[in-house]
């Protein structure tokens, strides 16, 4: 196939759909974006709640230094957001706050976990690292399967389970071990099938000396500034964005897409990029193979609850975010005004507090418990709350779990491609979405549809 301009319809104007539209338009294709909501951005938006500017859930952009979003920015953005370094991660327990133990040495001194458990876990981590480096370990094994023979305390098991839930949306019994090696694999760009001893020793050195999350950032002005940068970079002679425009079906002929139907009519298309929940794709398209439908519909959605608090004085003094490990429920705390004071009135602080929602959880009960945990952990904070705003969101469209692979970018239908956080097992959030768009572009390059 040549690189002649095609008519492309992008379904969904979230971060994945907008990045896809920008890249394809910059590659010379005519793009129509169909979005059922009245605004673009999906879960990457910011909006006002009184005098405060909240994001749709706390957002920290990972792997910005040389990662997938940076590649897309360098290749396609005309306007680049200002990113502020995230800072350190802290673990707050009932008695005090500690820096997150990134290295084995610091983990050995991490006193929220009993000393005997720390020793046993370090031995397990070293053994697992060695087996994996030598290709002797199945990456799809669960974290629980790795530690099932360990004699760990309930306190330690709770800590491990909490970290799994923040990284994948599921507990340790379904979190794949490879999720914890994902960052290492990203940095080891020249990963070989069989590592030599020097590679192995360098990996051990990294585990001992790693300096934390140095490549993580917050977009100044809120996550909306990332969407604004994408929109201002669009070549609008090649892009049309139709909001409040609900897609009702995908039309095909002879096994290939021909258009997208909406309540307003049909939009002809040579290529369709689908970015909503892929588990819902079969409702818009007949004739998909049964096993493919099963693959899509078996994906599990991840939900999160976020509470935004506007405070009339700072309660969180340190740059960086906090993980509350022994609160009920556990939560991730991001004081966004520590990165940009303009998100709140002068002297005020805005903080986002997020927790995972399991399918069986009653949302009102979780809200009550989360507020109680905050007041218990920070005595007196209730007298300084000027704004309280709740959000129920889908930060990851599919959980990264053991035994479940994400669907590939290419589909069984000619000209139909998938992007989004339910098509990629790498990282999380905006970074995972960016990986999916790069996978789309690499696929189109191989097929000769784009040239660069």
Protein backbone atom coordinates (compact mmCIF):
# COMPACT_ATOMS: atom_id res chain seq x y z
CA UNK A 1 0.00 0.00 0.00
CA UNK A 2 1.27 3.50 -0.79
CA UNK A 3 1.27 6.54 1.47
CA UNK A 4 -1.49 8.44 -0.34
CA UNK A 5 -3.77 10.48 1.91
CA UNK A 6 -6.63 8.49 3.41
CA UNK A 7 -9.87 9.45 5.10
CA UNK A 8 -9.47 8.44 8.74
CA UNK A 9 -12.15 8.42 11.41
CA UNK A 10 -10.92 8.41 15.01
CA UNK A 11 -13.59 7.27 17.46
CA UNK A 12 -13.16 8.94 20.83
CA UNK A 13 -11.38 12.18 21.76
CA UNK A 14 -9.59 11.01 24.88
CA UNK A 15 -5.80 11.18 25.10
CA UNK A 16 -5.30 8.10 22.88
CA UNK A 17 -7.70 9.28 20.19
CA UNK A 18 -6.35 12.84 20.12
CA UNK A 19 -2.72 11.70 19.94
CA UNK A 20 -3.66 9.35 17.08
CA UNK A 21 -5.52 12.12 15.25
CA UNK A 22 -2.61 14.54 15.65
CA UNK A 23 -0.02 12.06 14.40
CA UNK A 24 -2.06 10.87 11.42
CA UNK A 25 -2.93 14.41 10.36
CA UNK A 26 0.73 15.43 10.61
CA UNK A 27 1.45 12.42 8.38
CA UNK A 28 -0.86 13.92 5.76
CA UNK A 29 -4.14 12.08 6.28
CA UNK A 30 -7.60 13.67 6.55
CA UNK A 31 -8.95 12.94 10.03
CA UNK A 32 -12.44 13.22 11.51
CA UNK A 33 -12.67 12.75 15.28
CA UNK A 34 -16.05 11.60 16.63
CA UNK A 35 -16.65 12.25 20.34
CA UNK A 36 -19.96 11.62 22.10
CA UNK A 37 -19.24 14.03 24.96
CA UNK A 38 -19.40 17.82 24.62
CA UNK A 39 -15.70 18.21 25.47
CA UNK A 40 -12.51 16.49 24.41
CA UNK A 41 -9.92 14.93 26.74
CA UNK A 42 -11.79 12.07 28.41
CA UNK A 43 -10.10 11.40 31.76
CA UNK A 44 -7.32 13.86 30.88
CA UNK A 45 -9.20 17.06 31.62
CA UNK A 46 -9.08 19.83 34.21
CA UNK A 47 -12.01 21.98 35.28
CA UNK A 48 -13.02 24.54 37.89
CA UNK A 49 -14.75 23.71 41.15
CA UNK A 50 -15.27 27.11 42.68
CA UNK A 51 -11.86 28.82 42.88
CA UNK A 52 -9.98 25.50 42.52
CA UNK A 53 -8.86 23.76 39.32
CA UNK A 54 -9.07 19.96 39.62
CA UNK A 55 -7.91 17.23 37.25
CA UNK A 56 -9.94 14.16 36.35
CA UNK A 57 -8.13 12.13 38.97
CA UNK A 58 -4.51 12.72 40.05
CA UNK A 59 -2.11 12.53 37.11
CA UNK A 60 1.66 12.09 37.19
CA UNK A 61 3.33 11.59 33.80
CA UNK A 62 5.88 8.77 33.98
CA UNK A 63 8.85 8.05 31.69
CA UNK A 64 8.84 11.57 30.29
CA UNK A 65 12.60 11.58 29.69
CA UNK A 66 12.84 9.61 26.45
CA UNK A 67 9.61 7.67 26.96
CA UNK A 68 6.62 7.29 24.61
CA UNK A 69 4.98 10.67 25.28
CA UNK A 70 8.29 12.48 24.75
CA UNK A 71 8.69 10.73 21.39
CA UNK A 72 5.23 11.88 20.33
CA UNK A 73 5.91 15.42 21.59
CA UNK A 74 9.18 15.62 19.69
CA UNK A 75 7.65 14.29 16.48
CA UNK A 76 4.24 15.99 16.38
CA UNK A 77 3.71 18.79 18.92
CA UNK A 78 3.95 22.46 17.96
CA UNK A 79 3.22 23.52 21.55
CA UNK A 80 4.83 21.76 24.51
CA UNK A 81 3.45 21.90 28.07
CA UNK A 82 5.64 22.90 31.00
CA UNK A 83 6.34 19.86 33.16
CA UNK A 84 7.33 20.13 36.83
CA UNK A 85 9.39 17.30 38.42
CA UNK A 86 7.20 15.07 40.58
CA UNK A 87 9.67 14.71 43.44
CA UNK A 88 9.83 11.80 45.84
CA UNK A 89 7.22 9.21 46.74
CA UNK A 90 6.50 8.87 50.45
CA UNK A 91 4.84 6.13 52.44
CA UNK A 92 2.65 7.46 55.24
CA UNK A 93 1.63 5.08 57.99
CA UNK A 94 -0.19 5.75 61.23
CA UNK A 95 2.98 6.83 63.06
CA UNK A 96 5.09 8.75 60.49
CA UNK A 97 6.02 9.37 56.86
CA UNK A 98 9.04 7.78 55.15
CA UNK A 99 10.56 8.02 51.65
CA UNK A 100 9.59 5.10 49.44
CA UNK A 101 12.33 2.38 49.62
CA UNK A 102 13.47 2.24 45.98
CA UNK A 103 16.67 0.26 46.63
CA UNK A 104 17.36 -3.01 48.39
CA UNK A 105 19.50 -1.13 50.90
CA UNK A 106 16.68 1.27 51.77
CA UNK A 107 14.17 -1.55 51.80
CA UNK A 108 16.31 -3.31 54.39
CA UNK A 109 15.72 -0.31 56.67
CA UNK A 110 12.02 0.15 55.85
CA UNK A 111 10.58 -0.29 59.33
CA UNK A 112 6.83 -0.43 58.55
CA UNK A 113 7.63 -4.01 57.57
CA UNK A 114 9.01 -6.33 60.28
CA UNK A 115 12.76 -6.95 59.99
CA UNK A 116 12.38 -10.70 59.49
CA UNK A 117 9.99 -10.04 56.58
CA UNK A 118 12.41 -7.57 55.01
CA UNK A 119 15.20 -10.14 55.04
CA UNK A 120 12.96 -12.80 53.54
CA UNK A 121 11.64 -10.45 50.84
CA UNK A 122 15.13 -9.28 49.86
CA UNK A 123 16.14 -12.92 49.40
CA UNK A 124 13.01 -13.52 47.30
CA UNK A 125 13.58 -10.39 45.20
CA UNK A 126 17.21 -11.33 44.52
CA UNK A 127 16.24 -14.88 43.59
CA UNK A 128 13.44 -13.72 41.28
CA UNK A 129 15.70 -11.14 39.64
CA UNK A 130 18.34 -13.80 38.97
CA UNK A 131 15.84 -16.30 37.53
CA UNK A 132 14.32 -13.67 35.28
CA UNK A 133 17.68 -12.35 34.09
CA UNK A 134 18.59 -15.89 33.02
CA UNK A 135 15.15 -16.50 31.41
CA UNK A 136 14.26 -19.15 33.98
CA UNK A 137 11.04 -17.50 35.19
CA UNK A 138 7.63 -17.11 33.58
CA UNK A 139 6.81 -13.39 33.50
CA UNK A 140 3.09 -14.10 33.74
CA UNK A 141 3.35 -15.67 37.19
CA UNK A 142 1.51 -13.72 39.88
CA UNK A 143 3.16 -11.85 42.74
CA UNK A 144 1.30 -14.09 45.18
CA UNK A 145 2.64 -17.22 43.49
CA UNK A 146 6.18 -15.91 43.94
CA UNK A 147 5.79 -15.27 47.66
CA UNK A 148 3.36 -18.08 48.54
CA UNK A 149 6.04 -20.06 50.37
CA UNK A 150 7.24 -17.04 52.34
CA UNK A 151 6.30 -16.76 56.03
CA UNK A 152 5.28 -13.11 55.83
CA UNK A 153 3.18 -11.24 58.39
CA UNK A 154 -0.32 -9.93 57.55
CA UNK A 155 1.16 -6.41 57.80
CA UNK A 156 3.68 -7.14 55.04
CA UNK A 157 1.16 -8.95 52.86
CA UNK A 158 -1.14 -5.94 53.13
CA UNK A 159 1.68 -3.62 51.99
CA UNK A 160 2.45 -5.83 48.97
CA UNK A 161 -1.24 -6.07 48.07
CA UNK A 162 -1.64 -2.28 48.32
CA UNK A 163 1.28 -1.69 45.95
CA UNK A 164 -0.18 -4.20 43.49
CA UNK A 165 -3.56 -2.47 43.54
CA UNK A 166 -2.01 0.92 42.82
CA UNK A 167 0.04 -0.48 39.93
CA UNK A 168 -2.54 -2.73 38.26
CA UNK A 169 -5.92 -2.14 39.90
CA UNK A 170 -5.96 -5.73 41.23
CA UNK A 171 -4.52 -7.56 44.21
CA UNK A 172 -1.32 -9.58 44.38
CA UNK A 173 -3.09 -12.83 43.50
CA UNK A 174 -3.74 -11.46 39.98
CA UNK A 175 -0.93 -8.94 39.51
CA UNK A 176 1.73 -10.32 37.15
CA UNK A 177 5.29 -10.24 38.37
CA UNK A 178 6.32 -8.61 35.10
CA UNK A 179 4.51 -5.41 36.16
CA UNK A 180 7.23 -4.85 38.75
CA UNK A 181 9.96 -5.37 36.12
CA UNK A 182 8.29 -3.10 33.57
CA UNK A 183 10.33 -0.04 34.52
CA UNK A 184 13.58 -2.02 34.37
CA UNK A 185 12.70 -3.37 30.91
CA UNK A 186 11.93 0.16 29.71
CA UNK A 187 15.37 1.37 30.78
CA UNK A 188 17.10 -1.69 29.33
CA UNK A 189 16.36 -0.77 25.71
CA UNK A 190 18.91 -3.28 24.40
CA UNK A 191 17.43 -6.24 26.26
CA UNK A 192 18.76 -9.55 24.90
CA UNK A 193 17.21 -13.00 24.96
CA UNK A 194 20.00 -14.27 27.21
CA UNK A 195 21.88 -11.83 29.40
CA UNK A 196 25.60 -12.17 29.92
CA UNK A 197 27.04 -11.95 33.47
CA UNK A 198 27.87 -8.25 33.10
CA UNK A 199 24.24 -7.44 32.24
CA UNK A 200 23.13 -9.37 35.28
CA UNK A 201 25.60 -7.58 37.60
CA UNK A 202 24.58 -4.18 36.21
CA UNK A 203 20.95 -5.06 36.90
CA UNK A 204 21.75 -5.98 40.49
CA UNK A 205 23.68 -2.72 40.81
CA UNK A 206 20.63 -0.80 39.60
CA UNK A 207 18.44 -2.53 42.18
CA UNK A 208 20.89 -1.50 44.89
CA UNK A 209 21.56 2.10 43.81
CA UNK A 210 18.39 3.26 42.01
CA UNK A 211 17.55 6.85 42.91
CA UNK A 212 13.78 6.72 42.69
CA UNK A 213 11.28 8.17 40.24
CA UNK A 214 13.47 10.77 38.54
CA UNK A 215 11.62 10.75 35.21
CA UNK A 216 8.12 11.58 36.49
CA UNK A 217 6.45 14.97 36.10
CA UNK A 218 3.26 16.96 36.61
CA UNK A 219 2.00 19.21 33.78
CA UNK A 220 1.89 22.76 35.13
CA UNK A 221 -1.62 24.16 34.87
CA UNK A 222 -3.15 20.71 35.25
CA UNK A 223 -3.46 17.76 32.90
CA UNK A 224 -5.68 19.92 30.67
CA UNK A 225 -2.53 21.68 29.45
CA UNK A 226 -1.48 18.44 27.74
CA UNK A 227 -4.82 18.28 25.90
CA UNK A 228 -4.51 21.99 25.04
CA UNK A 229 -1.05 21.38 23.58
CA UNK A 230 -2.39 18.56 21.39
CA UNK A 231 -5.30 20.67 20.21
CA UNK A 232 -3.14 23.70 19.40
CA UNK A 233 -0.79 21.44 17.41
CA UNK A 234 -3.57 20.02 15.20
CA UNK A 235 -3.35 20.95 11.50
CA UNK A 236 -6.99 22.01 11.25
CA UNK A 237 -6.99 21.98 7.46
CA UNK A 238 -6.74 18.19 7.86
CA UNK A 239 -8.66 17.61 11.12
CA UNK A 240 -12.33 17.99 12.02
CA UNK A 241 -13.40 17.29 15.59
CA UNK A 242 -17.11 16.59 16.10
CA UNK A 243 -18.11 16.71 19.77
CA UNK A 244 -21.58 15.72 21.04
CA UNK A 245 -21.50 13.26 18.15
CA UNK A 246 -22.26 9.70 19.20
CA UNK A 247 -21.01 6.79 17.10
CA UNK A 248 -23.65 4.09 16.57
CA UNK A 249 -21.81 1.58 14.39
CA UNK A 250 -18.86 0.73 12.17
CA UNK A 251 -19.67 -0.16 8.57
CA UNK A 252 -17.72 -2.77 6.60
CA UNK A 253 -17.69 -4.37 3.17
CA UNK A 254 -15.69 -7.42 2.07
CA UNK A 255 -13.89 -7.59 5.43
CA UNK A 256 -12.74 -3.95 5.54
CA UNK A 257 -14.10 -0.74 7.07
CA UNK A 258 -16.01 1.66 4.86
CA UNK A 259 -17.31 4.17 7.37
CA UNK A 260 -18.65 5.08 10.79
CA UNK A 261 -22.33 5.66 11.46
CA UNK A 262 -23.55 8.30 13.88
CA UNK A 263 -26.97 9.63 14.84
CA UNK A 264 -26.35 12.35 12.24
CA UNK A 265 -25.43 10.04 9.38
CA UNK A 266 -22.49 8.08 7.99
CA UNK A 267 -18.89 9.28 7.74
CA UNK A 268 -16.99 7.46 4.95
CA UNK A 269 -13.61 6.08 6.03
CA UNK A 270 -10.64 4.23 4.56
CA UNK A 271 -9.33 3.66 8.10
CA UNK A 272 -10.93 3.73 11.56
CA UNK A 273 -9.05 4.19 14.84
CA UNK A 274 -11.15 2.97 17.77
CA UNK A 275 -10.20 4.34 21.21
CA UNK A 276 -13.19 3.75 23.56
CA UNK A 277 -13.46 0.58 25.67
CA UNK A 278 -12.45 -2.27 23.37
CA UNK A 279 -14.73 -4.59 25.36
CA UNK A 280 -17.63 -2.65 23.78
CA UNK A 281 -16.39 -2.95 20.18
CA UNK A 282 -18.58 -6.01 19.38
CA UNK A 283 -21.70 -3.93 20.08
CA UNK A 284 -20.80 -1.64 17.16
CA UNK A 285 -19.61 -4.23 14.66
CA UNK A 286 -21.17 -7.51 13.54
CA UNK A 287 -19.30 -10.51 12.21
CA UNK A 288 -16.21 -10.49 14.44
CA UNK A 289 -14.73 -13.97 15.08
CA UNK A 290 -16.09 -15.57 18.22
CA UNK A 291 -12.72 -16.09 19.88
CA UNK A 292 -11.83 -12.45 19.21
CA UNK A 293 -15.10 -11.29 20.78
CA UNK A 294 -14.32 -13.44 23.83
CA UNK A 295 -10.86 -11.85 24.05
CA UNK A 296 -12.32 -8.34 24.02
CA UNK A 297 -15.28 -8.87 26.32
CA UNK A 298 -13.22 -10.70 28.96
CA UNK A 299 -11.19 -7.56 29.74
CA UNK A 300 -11.86 -6.12 33.20
CA UNK A 301 -12.38 -2.41 33.71
CA UNK A 302 -10.52 -0.64 36.50
CA UNK A 303 -12.37 2.03 38.48
CA UNK A 304 -11.07 4.58 40.95
CA UNK A 305 -12.58 7.02 43.41
CA UNK A 306 -10.95 10.44 43.81
CA UNK A 307 -11.65 13.04 46.48
CA UNK A 308 -10.40 16.57 45.82
CA UNK A 309 -9.97 18.73 48.90
CA UNK A 310 -9.48 22.49 48.83
CA UNK A 311 -7.75 23.51 52.06
CA UNK A 312 -7.33 27.03 53.43
CA UNK A 313 -3.79 26.22 54.54
CA UNK A 314 -1.13 23.67 53.51
CA UNK A 315 -1.27 20.25 55.17
CA UNK A 316 1.23 18.62 52.75
CA UNK A 317 4.60 20.36 52.84
CA UNK A 318 6.79 18.05 50.77
CA UNK A 319 7.12 17.92 47.00
CA UNK A 320 5.97 14.56 45.73
CA UNK A 321 3.04 12.31 46.53
CA UNK A 322 2.13 9.98 49.37
CA UNK A 323 0.98 6.36 49.56
CA UNK A 324 -1.10 5.63 52.64
CA UNK A 325 -0.51 1.96 53.32
CA UNK A 326 -2.42 1.17 56.49
CA UNK A 327 -5.45 3.41 56.08
CA UNK A 328 -8.82 1.93 55.21
CA UNK A 329 -9.03 2.25 52.28
CA UNK A 330 -5.38 2.65 51.17
CA UNK A 331 -4.94 5.73 49.00
CA UNK A 332 -2.60 7.81 46.84
CA UNK A 333 -2.32 11.49 47.79
CA UNK A 334 -1.17 14.16 45.30
CA UNK A 335 -1.03 17.82 46.45
CA UNK A 336 -1.16 19.42 43.00
CA UNK A 337 -0.65 22.96 44.27
CA UNK A 338 2.86 21.96 45.35
CA UNK A 339 3.58 21.86 41.59
CA UNK A 340 1.46 24.85 40.60
CA UNK A 341 0.14 27.25 43.26
CA UNK A 342 -2.18 28.86 40.68
CA UNK A 343 -4.54 25.84 40.89
CA UNK A 344 -5.96 27.26 44.14
CA UNK A 345 -6.46 30.69 45.77
CA UNK A 346 -3.36 32.26 47.31
CA UNK A 347 -2.33 30.44 50.47
CA UNK A 348 -4.69 27.52 49.82
CA UNK A 349 -3.78 23.94 48.98
CA UNK A 350 -5.47 21.55 46.53
CA UNK A 351 -4.96 17.83 47.04
CA UNK A 352 -6.27 14.81 45.14
CA UNK A 353 -6.78 11.60 47.12
CA UNK A 354 -7.47 8.46 45.07
CA UNK A 355 -8.27 4.84 45.87
CA UNK A 356 -9.16 1.78 43.78
CA UNK A 357 -12.76 0.61 43.64
CA UNK A 358 -13.28 -3.13 43.60
CA UNK A 359 -16.39 -4.35 41.74
CA UNK A 360 -18.21 -5.32 44.94
CA UNK A 361 -17.58 -2.03 46.75
CA UNK A 362 -20.42 0.33 47.65
CA UNK A 363 -19.26 3.80 46.59
CA UNK A 364 -21.02 5.69 49.38
CA UNK A 365 -19.44 3.41 51.97
CA UNK A 366 -15.98 3.97 50.46
CA UNK A 367 -16.54 7.74 50.49
CA UNK A 368 -17.43 7.63 54.18
CA UNK A 369 -14.44 5.43 55.02
CA UNK A 370 -12.01 7.55 52.98
CA UNK A 371 -13.09 10.78 54.69
CA UNK A 372 -12.81 9.09 58.09
CA UNK A 373 -9.29 7.85 57.24
CA UNK A 374 -8.20 11.35 56.18
CA UNK A 375 -9.51 12.93 59.37
CA UNK A 376 -7.90 10.21 61.46
CA UNK A 377 -4.51 10.53 59.72
CA UNK A 378 -4.52 14.37 59.72
CA UNK A 379 -6.23 15.56 62.91
CA UNK A 380 -7.91 18.95 62.55
CA UNK A 381 -8.02 18.91 58.75
CA UNK A 382 -11.84 18.99 58.77
CA UNK A 383 -11.75 22.59 60.06
CA UNK A 384 -9.76 23.69 56.99
CA UNK A 385 -11.72 22.02 54.19
CA UNK A 386 -13.10 24.75 51.92
CA UNK A 387 -14.05 22.46 49.01
CA UNK A 388 -14.92 18.77 48.69
CA UNK A 389 -15.35 17.23 45.24
CA UNK A 390 -15.78 13.54 44.35
CA UNK A 391 -15.04 11.73 41.07
CA UNK A 392 -15.62 8.11 39.99
CA UNK A 393 -13.32 7.44 37.02
CA UNK A 394 -11.85 4.74 34.80
CA UNK A 395 -8.11 5.57 34.85
CA UNK A 396 -7.17 2.27 33.20
CA UNK A 397 -9.67 0.80 30.73
CA UNK A 398 -8.43 -2.72 31.43
CA UNK A 399 -6.62 -4.29 34.35
CA UNK A 400 -3.18 -5.77 33.68
CA UNK A 401 -3.74 -9.20 35.21
CA UNK A 402 -2.19 -12.66 35.09
CA UNK A 403 -3.24 -14.84 32.19
CA UNK A 404 -4.89 -12.05 30.23
CA UNK A 405 -3.23 -10.43 27.26
CA UNK A 406 -4.39 -7.15 25.80
CA UNK A 407 -5.76 -7.17 22.23
CA UNK A 408 -3.32 -6.14 19.50
CA UNK A 409 -3.51 -2.87 17.63
CA UNK A 410 -4.59 -4.65 14.44
CA UNK A 411 -8.04 -6.24 14.33
CA UNK A 412 -9.49 -8.98 12.08
CA UNK A 413 -11.20 -6.20 10.10
CA UNK A 414 -9.16 -4.48 7.41
CA UNK A 415 -8.49 -0.82 8.18
CA UNK A 416 -9.74 -1.03 11.78
CA UNK A 417 -7.19 -0.40 14.54
CA UNK A 418 -7.34 -0.15 18.34
CA UNK A 419 -5.58 2.30 20.67
CA UNK A 420 -5.88 2.95 24.39
CA UNK A 421 -4.94 1.68 27.82
CA UNK A 422 -6.75 -1.60 27.11
CA UNK A 423 -4.42 -2.49 24.20
CA UNK A 424 -1.03 -2.34 25.92
CA UNK A 425 0.76 -3.97 28.87
CA UNK A 426 3.28 -1.25 29.63
CA UNK A 427 3.36 1.36 32.40
CA UNK A 428 0.05 3.11 33.20
CA UNK A 429 -2.15 6.12 32.47
CA UNK A 430 -1.01 8.66 29.88
CA UNK A 431 2.23 6.74 29.37
CA UNK A 432 0.41 3.50 28.54
CA UNK A 433 -1.89 5.39 26.17
CA UNK A 434 1.16 6.89 24.46
CA UNK A 435 2.71 3.45 24.05
CA UNK A 436 -0.48 2.30 22.32
CA UNK A 437 -0.33 5.20 19.86
CA UNK A 438 3.32 4.43 19.06
CA UNK A 439 2.31 0.81 18.42
CA UNK A 440 -0.36 2.06 16.01
CA UNK A 441 2.14 4.24 14.17
CA UNK A 442 4.72 1.43 13.97
CA UNK A 443 2.02 -0.86 12.53
CA UNK A 444 1.02 1.72 9.91
CA UNK A 445 4.68 2.23 8.98
CA UNK A 446 5.12 -1.51 8.41
CA UNK A 447 2.03 -1.51 6.19
CA UNK A 448 3.26 1.50 4.22
CA UNK A 449 0.35 3.73 5.27
CA UNK A 450 2.65 6.31 6.81
CA UNK A 451 6.22 6.90 5.76
CA UNK A 452 8.14 8.44 8.67
